[in-house]
Amino acid sequence: MLLGEKAHAYDAVLAEFLPQHGIHRKAMFGADAITVGGKGFAMIHRGMLVLKLPRGRVDALVAAGIGAPFDAGMGRPMKEWVAIASHEDQWLALAREAHDFVVAMQMR
């Protein structure tokens, strides 16, 4: 269960995307995920916002201290996923980036 700023920040992400055509919620890695075209781009996992972004962007967020590599429990980080435990003021903008990245991947 999310509390405080995290709950408000994730509610803003849901409000942005769920009214859109082709956007759905589903369980992914045991978490509440948001998908576009059946592919996940954002989820809440253990109180962190987890996003699918290009590897270079993930590396930049980690280097800036904003996020950490996301490990889905398989013992190694996933290259295109980042977990963000704080910086709630950036969650919506970062979720938009993740959405755009996944949409662009589907158009290839």
PDB file of N, CA and C in Angstrom:
ATOM      1  N   MET A   1       0.846  -1.179   0.000  1.00  0.00           N
ATOM      2  CA  MET A   1       0.000   0.000   0.000  1.00  0.00           C
ATOM      3  C   MET A   1       0.892   1.243   0.000  1.00  0.00           C
ATOM      4  N   LEU A   2       0.590   2.162  -0.872  1.00  0.00           N
ATOM      5  CA  LEU A   2       1.357   3.399  -0.952  1.00  0.00           C
ATOM      6  C   LEU A   2       0.747   4.452  -0.054  1.00  0.00           C
ATOM      7  N   LEU A   3       1.604   5.245   0.543  1.00  0.00           N
ATOM      8  CA  LEU A   3       1.152   6.316   1.419  1.00  0.00           C
ATOM      9  C   LEU A   3       1.716   7.654   0.958  1.00  0.00           C
ATOM     10  N   GLY A   4       1.024   8.713   1.305  1.00  0.00           N
ATOM     11  CA  GLY A   4       1.529  10.067   1.118  1.00  0.00           C
ATOM     12  C   GLY A   4       1.835  10.445  -0.313  1.00  0.00           C
ATOM     13  N   GLU A   5       3.015  11.051  -0.492  1.00  0.00           N
ATOM     14  CA  GLU A   5       3.410  11.567  -1.801  1.00  0.00           C
ATOM     15  C   GLU A   5       3.500  10.476  -2.859  1.00  0.00           C
ATOM     16  N   LYS A   6       3.918   9.290  -2.477  1.00  0.00           N
ATOM     17  CA  LYS A   6       4.013   8.199  -3.449  1.00  0.00           C
ATOM     18  C   LYS A   6       2.629   7.835  -3.982  1.00  0.00           C
ATOM     19  N   ALA A   7       1.645   7.752  -3.105  1.00  0.00           N
ATOM     20  CA  ALA A   7       0.285   7.431  -3.541  1.00  0.00           C
ATOM     21  C   ALA A   7      -0.244   8.513  -4.468  1.00  0.00           C
ATOM     22  N   HIS A   8      -0.022   9.760  -4.101  1.00  0.00           N
ATOM     23  CA  HIS A   8      -0.476  10.886  -4.927  1.00  0.00           C
ATOM     24  C   HIS A   8       0.233  10.872  -6.288  1.00  0.00           C
ATOM     25  N   ALA A   9       1.533  10.618  -6.289  1.00  0.00           N
ATOM     26  CA  ALA A   9       2.299  10.609  -7.534  1.00  0.00           C
ATOM     27  C   ALA A   9       1.852   9.467  -8.446  1.00  0.00           C
ATOM     28  N   TYR A  10       1.614   8.284  -7.886  1.00  0.00           N
ATOM     29  CA  TYR A  10       1.171   7.164  -8.722  1.00  0.00           C
ATOM     30  C   TYR A  10      -0.260   7.372  -9.197  1.00  0.00           C
ATOM     31  N   ASP A  11      -1.108   7.950  -8.371  1.00  0.00           N
ATOM     32  CA  ASP A  11      -2.474   8.277  -8.804  1.00  0.00           C
ATOM     33  C   ASP A  11      -2.445   9.226 -10.001  1.00  0.00           C
ATOM     34  N   ALA A  12      -1.507  10.171 -10.009  1.00  0.00           N
ATOM     35  CA  ALA A  12      -1.372  11.099 -11.136  1.00  0.00           C
ATOM     36  C   ALA A  12      -0.958  10.347 -12.402  1.00  0.00           C
ATOM     37  N   VAL A  13      -0.090   9.372 -12.261  1.00  0.00           N
ATOM     38  CA  VAL A  13       0.327   8.557 -13.411  1.00  0.00           C
ATOM     39  C   VAL A  13      -0.872   7.772 -13.941  1.00  0.00           C
ATOM     40  N   LEU A  14      -1.624   7.133 -13.041  1.00  0.00           N
ATOM     41  CA  LEU A  14      -2.807   6.383 -13.469  1.00  0.00           C
ATOM     42  C   LEU A  14      -3.823   7.288 -14.152  1.00  0.00           C
ATOM     43  N   ALA A  15      -4.074   8.464 -13.580  1.00  0.00           N
ATOM     44  CA  ALA A  15      -5.058   9.390 -14.147  1.00  0.00           C
ATOM     45  C   ALA A  15      -4.649   9.858 -15.538  1.00  0.00           C
ATOM     46  N   GLU A  16      -3.370   9.992 -15.765  1.00  0.00           N
ATOM     47  CA  GLU A  16      -2.862  10.417 -17.079  1.00  0.00           C
ATOM     48  C   GLU A  16      -3.096   9.360 -18.143  1.00  0.00           C
ATOM     49  N   PHE A  17      -2.844   8.106 -17.806  1.00  0.00           N
ATOM     50  CA  PHE A  17      -2.809   7.071 -18.833  1.00  0.00           C
ATOM     51  C   PHE A  17      -4.064   6.221 -18.954  1.00  0.00           C
ATOM     52  N   LEU A  18      -4.730   5.905 -17.855  1.00  0.00           N
ATOM     53  CA  LEU A  18      -5.841   4.952 -17.941  1.00  0.00           C
ATOM     54  C   LEU A  18      -7.006   5.395 -18.819  1.00  0.00           C
ATOM     55  N   PRO A  19      -7.285   6.680 -18.940  1.00  0.00           N
ATOM     56  CA  PRO A  19      -8.382   7.040 -19.846  1.00  0.00           C
ATOM     57  C   PRO A  19      -8.045   6.842 -21.328  1.00  0.00           C
ATOM     58  N   GLN A  20      -6.776   6.618 -21.653  1.00  0.00           N
ATOM     59  CA  GLN A  20      -6.364   6.519 -23.050  1.00  0.00           C
ATOM     60  C   GLN A  20      -6.687   5.146 -23.634  1.00  0.00           C
ATOM     61  N   HIS A  21      -7.019   5.144 -24.910  1.00  0.00           N
ATOM     62  CA  HIS A  21      -7.304   3.900 -25.630  1.00  0.00           C
ATOM     63  C   HIS A  21      -6.043   3.041 -25.673  1.00  0.00           C
ATOM     64  N   GLY A  22      -6.181   1.766 -25.404  1.00  0.00           N
ATOM     65  CA  GLY A  22      -5.064   0.833 -25.480  1.00  0.00           C
ATOM     66  C   GLY A  22      -4.211   0.757 -24.231  1.00  0.00           C
ATOM     67  N   ILE A  23      -4.560   1.525 -23.209  1.00  0.00           N
ATOM     68  CA  ILE A  23      -3.833   1.499 -21.942  1.00  0.00           C
ATOM     69  C   ILE A  23      -4.630   0.655 -20.948  1.00  0.00           C
ATOM     70  N   HIS A  24      -3.949  -0.272 -20.301  1.00  0.00           N
ATOM     71  CA  HIS A  24      -4.616  -1.173 -19.358  1.00  0.00           C
ATOM     72  C   HIS A  24      -3.736  -1.392 -18.131  1.00  0.00           C
ATOM     73  N   ARG A  25      -4.355  -1.920 -17.086  1.00  0.00           N
ATOM     74  CA  ARG A  25      -3.627  -2.346 -15.884  1.00  0.00           C
ATOM     75  C   ARG A  25      -3.614  -3.859 -15.864  1.00  0.00           C
ATOM     76  N   LYS A  26      -2.478  -4.403 -15.415  1.00  0.00           N
ATOM     77  CA  LYS A  26      -2.396  -5.848 -15.227  1.00  0.00           C
ATOM     78  C   LYS A  26      -1.279  -6.141 -14.242  1.00  0.00           C
ATOM     79  N   ALA A  27      -1.273  -7.346 -13.729  1.00  0.00           N
ATOM     80  CA  ALA A  27      -0.200  -7.771 -12.829  1.00  0.00           C
ATOM     81  C   ALA A  27       1.023  -8.131 -13.656  1.00  0.00           C
ATOM     82  N   MET A  28       2.177  -7.649 -13.188  1.00  0.00           N
ATOM     83  CA  MET A  28       3.436  -7.937 -13.861  1.00  0.00           C
ATOM     84  C   MET A  28       4.520  -7.999 -12.795  1.00  0.00           C
ATOM     85  N   PHE A  29       5.288  -9.056 -12.745  1.00  0.00           N
ATOM     86  CA  PHE A  29       6.294  -9.242 -11.693  1.00  0.00           C
ATOM     87  C   PHE A  29       5.663  -9.126 -10.307  1.00  0.00           C
ATOM     88  N   GLY A  30       4.398  -9.497 -10.185  1.00  0.00           N
ATOM     89  CA  GLY A  30       3.690  -9.407  -8.917  1.00  0.00           C
ATOM     90  C   GLY A  30       3.328  -7.990  -8.520  1.00  0.00           C
ATOM     91  N   ALA A  31       3.325  -7.081  -9.479  1.00  0.00           N
ATOM     92  CA  ALA A  31       3.067  -5.668  -9.200  1.00  0.00           C
ATOM     93  C   ALA A  31       1.913  -5.159 -10.056  1.00  0.00           C
ATOM     94  N   ASP A  32       1.396  -3.994  -9.686  1.00  0.00           N
ATOM     95  CA  ASP A  32       0.361  -3.309 -10.462  1.00  0.00           C
ATOM     96  C   ASP A  32       1.051  -2.569 -11.597  1.00  0.00           C
ATOM     97  N   ALA A  33       0.843  -3.026 -12.831  1.00  0.00           N
ATOM     98  CA  ALA A  33       1.520  -2.452 -13.991  1.00  0.00           C
ATOM     99  C   ALA A  33       0.543  -1.755 -14.924  1.00  0.00           C
ATOM    100  N   ILE A  34       1.069  -0.810 -15.686  1.00  0.00           N
ATOM    101  CA  ILE A  34       0.321  -0.113 -16.732  1.00  0.00           C
ATOM    102  C   ILE A  34       0.935  -0.532 -18.060  1.00  0.00           C
ATOM    103  N   THR A  35       0.076  -0.944 -18.992  1.00  0.00           N
ATOM    104  CA  THR A  35       0.558  -1.438 -20.276  1.00  0.00           C
ATOM    105  C   THR A  35      -0.010  -0.620 -21.433  1.00  0.00           C
ATOM    106  N   VAL A  36       0.709  -0.654 -22.530  1.00  0.00           N
ATOM    107  CA  VAL A  36       0.230  -0.104 -23.793  1.00  0.00           C
ATOM    108  C   VAL A  36       0.518  -1.167 -24.854  1.00  0.00           C
ATOM    109  N   GLY A  37      -0.498  -1.514 -25.619  1.00  0.00           N
ATOM    110  CA  GLY A  37      -0.325  -2.564 -26.613  1.00  0.00           C
ATOM    111  C   GLY A  37       0.103  -3.884 -25.995  1.00  0.00           C
ATOM    112  N   GLY A  38      -0.282  -4.113 -24.752  1.00  0.00           N
ATOM    113  CA  GLY A  38       0.057  -5.348 -24.066  1.00  0.00           C
ATOM    114  C   GLY A  38       1.437  -5.376 -23.435  1.00  0.00           C
ATOM    115  N   LYS A  39       2.219  -4.322 -23.604  1.00  0.00           N
ATOM    116  CA  LYS A  39       3.579  -4.262 -23.057  1.00  0.00           C
ATOM    117  C   LYS A  39       3.646  -3.296 -21.887  1.00  0.00           C
ATOM    118  N   GLY A  40       4.230  -3.733 -20.792  1.00  0.00           N
ATOM    119  CA  GLY A  40       4.346  -2.894 -19.615  1.00  0.00           C
ATOM    120  C   GLY A  40       5.326  -1.755 -19.808  1.00  0.00           C
ATOM    121  N   PHE A  41       4.978  -0.602 -19.238  1.00  0.00           N
ATOM    122  CA  PHE A  41       5.904   0.527 -19.272  1.00  0.00           C
ATOM    123  C   PHE A  41       6.077   1.180 -17.914  1.00  0.00           C
ATOM    124  N   ALA A  42       5.163   0.941 -16.983  1.00  0.00           N
ATOM    125  CA  ALA A  42       5.275   1.511 -15.632  1.00  0.00           C
ATOM    126  C   ALA A  42       4.571   0.594 -14.654  1.00  0.00           C
ATOM    127  N   MET A  43       5.114   0.532 -13.427  1.00  0.00           N
ATOM    128  CA  MET A  43       4.466  -0.263 -12.388  1.00  0.00           C
ATOM    129  C   MET A  43       4.940   0.204 -11.026  1.00  0.00           C
ATOM    130  N   ILE A  44       4.162  -0.133 -10.042  1.00  0.00           N
ATOM    131  CA  ILE A  44       4.552   0.082  -8.650  1.00  0.00           C
ATOM    132  C   ILE A  44       5.002  -1.266  -8.108  1.00  0.00           C
ATOM    133  N   HIS A  45       6.215  -1.320  -7.627  1.00  0.00           N
ATOM    134  CA  HIS A  45       6.790  -2.555  -7.092  1.00  0.00           C
ATOM    135  C   HIS A  45       7.515  -2.222  -5.796  1.00  0.00           C
ATOM    136  N   ARG A  46       6.993  -2.747  -4.687  1.00  0.00           N
ATOM    137  CA  ARG A  46       7.579  -2.516  -3.360  1.00  0.00           C
ATOM    138  C   ARG A  46       7.746  -1.024  -3.054  1.00  0.00           C
ATOM    139  N   GLY A  47       6.735  -0.248  -3.417  1.00  0.00           N
ATOM    140  CA  GLY A  47       6.719   1.175  -3.119  1.00  0.00           C
ATOM    141  C   GLY A  47       7.553   2.038  -4.042  1.00  0.00           C
ATOM    142  N   MET A  48       8.109   1.438  -5.100  1.00  0.00           N
ATOM    143  CA  MET A  48       8.910   2.195  -6.062  1.00  0.00           C
ATOM    144  C   MET A  48       8.197   2.229  -7.408  1.00  0.00           C
ATOM    145  N   LEU A  49       8.389   3.322  -8.125  1.00  0.00           N
ATOM    146  CA  LEU A  49       7.912   3.390  -9.505  1.00  0.00           C
ATOM    147  C   LEU A  49       8.977   2.730 -10.369  1.00  0.00           C
ATOM    148  N   VAL A  50       8.572   1.743 -11.145  1.00  0.00           N
ATOM    149  CA  VAL A  50       9.500   1.017 -12.018  1.00  0.00           C
ATOM    150  C   VAL A  50       9.080   1.294 -13.452  1.00  0.00           C
ATOM    151  N   LEU A  51      10.066   1.702 -14.267  1.00  0.00           N
ATOM    152  CA  LEU A  51       9.786   2.140 -15.627  1.00  0.00           C
ATOM    153  C   LEU A  51      10.666   1.440 -16.646  1.00  0.00           C
ATOM    154  N   LYS A  52      10.098   1.208 -17.825  1.00  0.00           N
ATOM    155  CA  LYS A  52      10.872   0.676 -18.961  1.00  0.00           C
ATOM    156  C   LYS A  52      11.342   1.872 -19.790  1.00  0.00           C
ATOM    157  N   LEU A  53      12.655   2.027 -19.855  1.00  0.00           N
ATOM    158  CA  LEU A  53      13.274   3.145 -20.574  1.00  0.00           C
ATOM    159  C   LEU A  53      14.487   2.631 -21.337  1.00  0.00           C
ATOM    160  N   PRO A  54      14.969   3.404 -22.308  1.00  0.00           N
ATOM    161  CA  PRO A  54      16.178   2.974 -23.015  1.00  0.00           C
ATOM    162  C   PRO A  54      17.342   2.791 -22.034  1.00  0.00           C
ATOM    163  N   ARG A  55      18.196   1.860 -22.336  1.00  0.00           N
ATOM    164  CA  ARG A  55      19.309   1.528 -21.439  1.00  0.00           C
ATOM    165  C   ARG A  55      20.139   2.761 -21.064  1.00  0.00           C
ATOM    166  N   GLY A  56      20.407   3.620 -22.023  1.00  0.00           N
ATOM    167  CA  GLY A  56      21.181   4.823 -21.735  1.00  0.00           C
ATOM    168  C   GLY A  56      20.485   5.742 -20.749  1.00  0.00           C
ATOM    169  N   ARG A  57      19.182   5.836 -20.856  1.00  0.00           N
ATOM    170  CA  ARG A  57      18.409   6.670 -19.933  1.00  0.00           C
ATOM    171  C   ARG A  57      18.400   6.035 -18.543  1.00  0.00           C
ATOM    172  N   VAL A  58      18.268   4.725 -18.470  1.00  0.00           N
ATOM    173  CA  VAL A  58      18.337   4.029 -17.179  1.00  0.00           C
ATOM    174  C   VAL A  58      19.691   4.318 -16.536  1.00  0.00           C
ATOM    175  N   ASP A  59      20.765   4.164 -17.307  1.00  0.00           N
ATOM    176  CA  ASP A  59      22.109   4.415 -16.781  1.00  0.00           C
ATOM    177  C   ASP A  59      22.251   5.846 -16.278  1.00  0.00           C
ATOM    178  N   ALA A  60      21.680   6.817 -17.003  1.00  0.00           N
ATOM    179  CA  ALA A  60      21.761   8.220 -16.595  1.00  0.00           C
ATOM    180  C   ALA A  60      20.996   8.470 -15.296  1.00  0.00           C
ATOM    181  N   LEU A  61      19.823   7.878 -15.157  1.00  0.00           N
ATOM    182  CA  LEU A  61      19.038   8.033 -13.924  1.00  0.00           C
ATOM    183  C   LEU A  61      19.743   7.402 -12.730  1.00  0.00           C
ATOM    184  N   VAL A  62      20.375   6.268 -12.951  1.00  0.00           N
ATOM    185  CA  VAL A  62      21.134   5.621 -11.881  1.00  0.00           C
ATOM    186  C   VAL A  62      22.334   6.489 -11.503  1.00  0.00           C
ATOM    187  N   ALA A  63      23.070   6.980 -12.503  1.00  0.00           N
ATOM    188  CA  ALA A  63      24.249   7.816 -12.247  1.00  0.00           C
ATOM    189  C   ALA A  63      23.876   9.102 -11.514  1.00  0.00           C
ATOM    190  N   ALA A  64      22.687   9.639 -11.805  1.00  0.00           N
ATOM    191  CA  ALA A  64      22.229  10.871 -11.155  1.00  0.00           C
ATOM    192  C   ALA A  64      21.678  10.627  -9.749  1.00  0.00           C
ATOM    193  N   GLY A  65      21.584   9.370  -9.345  1.00  0.00           N
ATOM    194  CA  GLY A  65      21.064   9.050  -8.019  1.00  0.00           C
ATOM    195  C   GLY A  65      19.551   9.105  -7.931  1.00  0.00           C
ATOM    196  N   ILE A  66      18.885   9.140  -9.062  1.00  0.00           N
ATOM    197  CA  ILE A  66      17.423   9.204  -9.091  1.00  0.00           C
ATOM    198  C   ILE A  66      16.816   7.810  -9.022  1.00  0.00           C
ATOM    199  N   GLY A  67      17.464   6.843  -9.645  1.00  0.00           N
ATOM    200  CA  GLY A  67      16.921   5.495  -9.684  1.00  0.00           C
ATOM    201  C   GLY A  67      17.977   4.453  -9.427  1.00  0.00           C
ATOM    202  N   ALA A  68      17.533   3.206  -9.409  1.00  0.00           N
ATOM    203  CA  ALA A  68      18.413   2.058  -9.236  1.00  0.00           C
ATOM    204  C   ALA A  68      18.036   1.015 -10.277  1.00  0.00           C
ATOM    205  N   PRO A  69      18.986   0.197 -10.680  1.00  0.00           N
ATOM    206  CA  PRO A  69      18.633  -0.877 -11.612  1.00  0.00           C
ATOM    207  C   PRO A  69      17.539  -1.754 -11.000  1.00  0.00           C
ATOM    208  N   PHE A  70      16.580  -2.183 -11.812  1.00  0.00           N
ATOM    209  CA  PHE A  70      15.480  -3.014 -11.327  1.00  0.00           C
ATOM    210  C   PHE A  70      15.812  -4.484 -11.536  1.00  0.00           C
ATOM    211  N   ASP A  71      15.679  -5.246 -10.481  1.00  0.00           N
ATOM    212  CA  ASP A  71      15.859  -6.696 -10.514  1.00  0.00           C
ATOM    213  C   ASP A  71      14.503  -7.314 -10.182  1.00  0.00           C
ATOM    214  N   ALA A  72      13.969  -8.077 -11.100  1.00  0.00           N
ATOM    215  CA  ALA A  72      12.649  -8.693 -10.911  1.00  0.00           C
ATOM    216  C   ALA A  72      12.718  -9.953 -10.058  1.00  0.00           C
ATOM    217  N   GLY A  73      13.820 -10.139  -9.342  1.00  0.00           N
ATOM    218  CA  GLY A  73      13.950 -11.302  -8.479  1.00  0.00           C
ATOM    219  C   GLY A  73      14.690 -12.449  -9.120  1.00  0.00           C
ATOM    220  N   MET A  74      15.310 -12.194 -10.256  1.00  0.00           N
ATOM    221  CA  MET A  74      16.041 -13.248 -10.965  1.00  0.00           C
ATOM    222  C   MET A  74      17.543 -13.182 -10.703  1.00  0.00           C
ATOM    223  N   GLY A  75      17.969 -12.258  -9.821  1.00  0.00           N
ATOM    224  CA  GLY A  75      19.368 -12.184  -9.465  1.00  0.00           C
ATOM    225  C   GLY A  75      20.227 -11.275 -10.319  1.00  0.00           C
ATOM    226  N   ARG A  76      19.629 -10.627 -11.306  1.00  0.00           N
ATOM    227  CA  ARG A  76      20.400  -9.679 -12.112  1.00  0.00           C
ATOM    228  C   ARG A  76      19.482  -8.566 -12.585  1.00  0.00           C
ATOM    229  N   PRO A  77      20.028  -7.349 -12.661  1.00  0.00           N
ATOM    230  CA  PRO A  77      19.209  -6.210 -13.091  1.00  0.00           C
ATOM    231  C   PRO A  77      18.765  -6.343 -14.549  1.00  0.00           C
ATOM    232  N   MET A  78      17.591  -5.815 -14.827  1.00  0.00           N
ATOM    233  CA  MET A  78      17.075  -5.789 -16.194  1.00  0.00           C
ATOM    234  C   MET A  78      17.567  -4.486 -16.829  1.00  0.00           C
ATOM    235  N   LYS A  79      18.181  -4.563 -17.982  1.00  0.00           N
ATOM    236  CA  LYS A  79      18.884  -3.442 -18.606  1.00  0.00           C
ATOM    237  C   LYS A  79      17.994  -2.246 -18.936  1.00  0.00           C
ATOM    238  N   GLU A  80      16.750  -2.489 -19.259  1.00  0.00           N
ATOM    239  CA  GLU A  80      15.872  -1.394 -19.670  1.00  0.00           C
ATOM    240  C   GLU A  80      14.800  -1.071 -18.630  1.00  0.00           C
ATOM    241  N   TRP A  81      15.055  -1.386 -17.374  1.00  0.00           N
ATOM    242  CA  TRP A  81      14.100  -1.087 -16.315  1.00  0.00           C
ATOM    243  C   TRP A  81      14.820  -0.384 -15.174  1.00  0.00           C
ATOM    244  N   VAL A  82      14.205   0.660 -14.645  1.00  0.00           N
ATOM    245  CA  VAL A  82      14.767   1.423 -13.530  1.00  0.00           C
ATOM    246  C   VAL A  82      13.717   1.536 -12.432  1.00  0.00           C
ATOM    247  N   ALA A  83      14.166   1.453 -11.182  1.00  0.00           N
ATOM    248  CA  ALA A  83      13.287   1.582 -10.017  1.00  0.00           C
ATOM    249  C   ALA A  83      13.567   2.916  -9.343  1.00  0.00           C
ATOM    250  N   ILE A  84      12.517   3.686  -9.117  1.00  0.00           N
ATOM    251  CA  ILE A  84      12.658   5.024  -8.540  1.00  0.00           C
ATOM    252  C   ILE A  84      11.900   5.049  -7.213  1.00  0.00           C
ATOM    253  N   ALA A  85      12.658   5.191  -6.128  1.00  0.00           N
ATOM    254  CA  ALA A  85      12.070   5.117  -4.788  1.00  0.00           C
ATOM    255  C   ALA A  85      11.581   6.458  -4.281  1.00  0.00           C
ATOM    256  N   SER A  86      12.089   7.543  -4.802  1.00  0.00           N
ATOM    257  CA  SER A  86      11.676   8.878  -4.352  1.00  0.00           C
ATOM    258  C   SER A  86      11.510   9.767  -5.589  1.00  0.00           C
ATOM    259  N   HIS A  87      11.777  11.029  -5.478  1.00  0.00           N
ATOM    260  CA  HIS A  87      11.644  11.958  -6.612  1.00  0.00           C
ATOM    261  C   HIS A  87      10.235  11.910  -7.211  1.00  0.00           C
ATOM    262  N   GLU A  88       9.228  11.845  -6.335  1.00  0.00           N
ATOM    263  CA  GLU A  88       7.840  11.724  -6.790  1.00  0.00           C
ATOM    264  C   GLU A  88       7.420  12.846  -7.731  1.00  0.00           C
ATOM    265  N   ASP A  89       8.041  14.010  -7.600  1.00  0.00           N
ATOM    266  CA  ASP A  89       7.706  15.127  -8.479  1.00  0.00           C
ATOM    267  C   ASP A  89       8.081  14.852  -9.934  1.00  0.00           C
ATOM    268  N   GLN A  90       8.887  13.830 -10.183  1.00  0.00           N
ATOM    269  CA  GLN A  90       9.314  13.488 -11.546  1.00  0.00           C
ATOM    270  C   GLN A  90       8.611  12.251 -12.097  1.00  0.00           C
ATOM    271  N   TRP A  91       7.796  11.587 -11.272  1.00  0.00           N
ATOM    272  CA  TRP A  91       7.197  10.323 -11.703  1.00  0.00           C
ATOM    273  C   TRP A  91       6.359  10.456 -12.966  1.00  0.00           C
ATOM    274  N   LEU A  92       5.525  11.456 -13.053  1.00  0.00           N
ATOM    275  CA  LEU A  92       4.641  11.578 -14.217  1.00  0.00           C
ATOM    276  C   LEU A  92       5.447  11.821 -15.488  1.00  0.00           C
ATOM    277  N   ALA A  93       6.406  12.718 -15.451  1.00  0.00           N
ATOM    278  CA  ALA A  93       7.228  12.998 -16.637  1.00  0.00           C
ATOM    279  C   ALA A  93       8.014  11.753 -17.055  1.00  0.00           C
ATOM    280  N   LEU A  94       8.549  11.031 -16.089  1.00  0.00           N
ATOM    281  CA  LEU A  94       9.298   9.817 -16.407  1.00  0.00           C
ATOM    282  C   LEU A  94       8.379   8.726 -16.954  1.00  0.00           C
ATOM    283  N   ALA A  95       7.158   8.635 -16.434  1.00  0.00           N
ATOM    284  CA  ALA A  95       6.195   7.664 -16.959  1.00  0.00           C
ATOM    285  C   ALA A  95       5.826   8.000 -18.403  1.00  0.00           C
ATOM    286  N   ARG A  96       5.743   9.276 -18.715  1.00  0.00           N
ATOM    287  CA  ARG A  96       5.483   9.674 -20.111  1.00  0.00           C
ATOM    288  C   ARG A  96       6.630   9.220 -21.013  1.00  0.00           C
ATOM    289  N   GLU A  97       7.860   9.383 -20.546  1.00  0.00           N
ATOM    290  CA  GLU A  97       9.023   8.914 -21.310  1.00  0.00           C
ATOM    291  C   GLU A  97       8.934   7.408 -21.543  1.00  0.00           C
ATOM    292  N   ALA A  98       8.597   6.671 -20.494  1.00  0.00           N
ATOM    293  CA  ALA A  98       8.501   5.214 -20.600  1.00  0.00           C
ATOM    294  C   ALA A  98       7.403   4.821 -21.597  1.00  0.00           C
ATOM    295  N   HIS A  99       6.265   5.473 -21.512  1.00  0.00           N
ATOM    296  CA  HIS A  99       5.170   5.208 -22.444  1.00  0.00           C
ATOM    297  C   HIS A  99       5.628   5.433 -23.881  1.00  0.00           C
ATOM    298  N   ASP A 100       6.241   6.586 -24.126  1.00  0.00           N
ATOM    299  CA  ASP A 100       6.689   6.909 -25.480  1.00  0.00           C
ATOM    300  C   ASP A 100       7.727   5.912 -25.985  1.00  0.00           C
ATOM    301  N   PHE A 101       8.614   5.465 -25.103  1.00  0.00           N
ATOM    302  CA  PHE A 101       9.629   4.482 -25.474  1.00  0.00           C
ATOM    303  C   PHE A 101       8.987   3.161 -25.888  1.00  0.00           C
ATOM    304  N   VAL A 102       8.028   2.685 -25.109  1.00  0.00           N
ATOM    305  CA  VAL A 102       7.386   1.403 -25.420  1.00  0.00           C
ATOM    306  C   VAL A 102       6.541   1.519 -26.695  1.00  0.00           C
ATOM    307  N   VAL A 103       5.861   2.620 -26.886  1.00  0.00           N
ATOM    308  CA  VAL A 103       5.105   2.823 -28.128  1.00  0.00           C
ATOM    309  C   VAL A 103       6.044   2.815 -29.326  1.00  0.00           C
ATOM    310  N   ALA A 104       7.160   3.514 -29.224  1.00  0.00           N
ATOM    311  CA  ALA A 104       8.129   3.555 -30.323  1.00  0.00           C
ATOM    312  C   ALA A 104       8.702   2.167 -30.624  1.00  0.00           C
ATOM    313  N   MET A 105       8.920   1.373 -29.576  1.00  0.00           N
ATOM    314  CA  MET A 105       9.410   0.002 -29.780  1.00  0.00           C
ATOM    315  C   MET A 105       8.411  -0.833 -30.570  1.00  0.00           C
ATOM    316  N   GLN A 106       7.137  -0.610 -30.321  1.00  0.00           N
ATOM    317  CA  GLN A 106       6.103  -1.389 -30.998  1.00  0.00           C
ATOM    318  C   GLN A 106       5.957  -0.976 -32.444  1.00  0.00           C
ATOM    319  N   MET A 107       6.419   0.198 -32.799  1.00  0.00           N
ATOM    320  CA  MET A 107       6.277   0.681 -34.165  1.00  0.00           C
ATOM    321  C   MET A 107       7.438   0.234 -35.066  1.00  0.00           C
ATOM    322  N   ARG A 108       8.443  -0.367 -34.463  1.00  0.00           N
ATOM    323  CA  ARG A 108       9.610  -0.825 -35.266  1.00  0.00           C
ATOM    324  C   ARG A 108       9.268  -2.003 -36.107  1.00  0.00           C
TER     325      ARG A 108
END
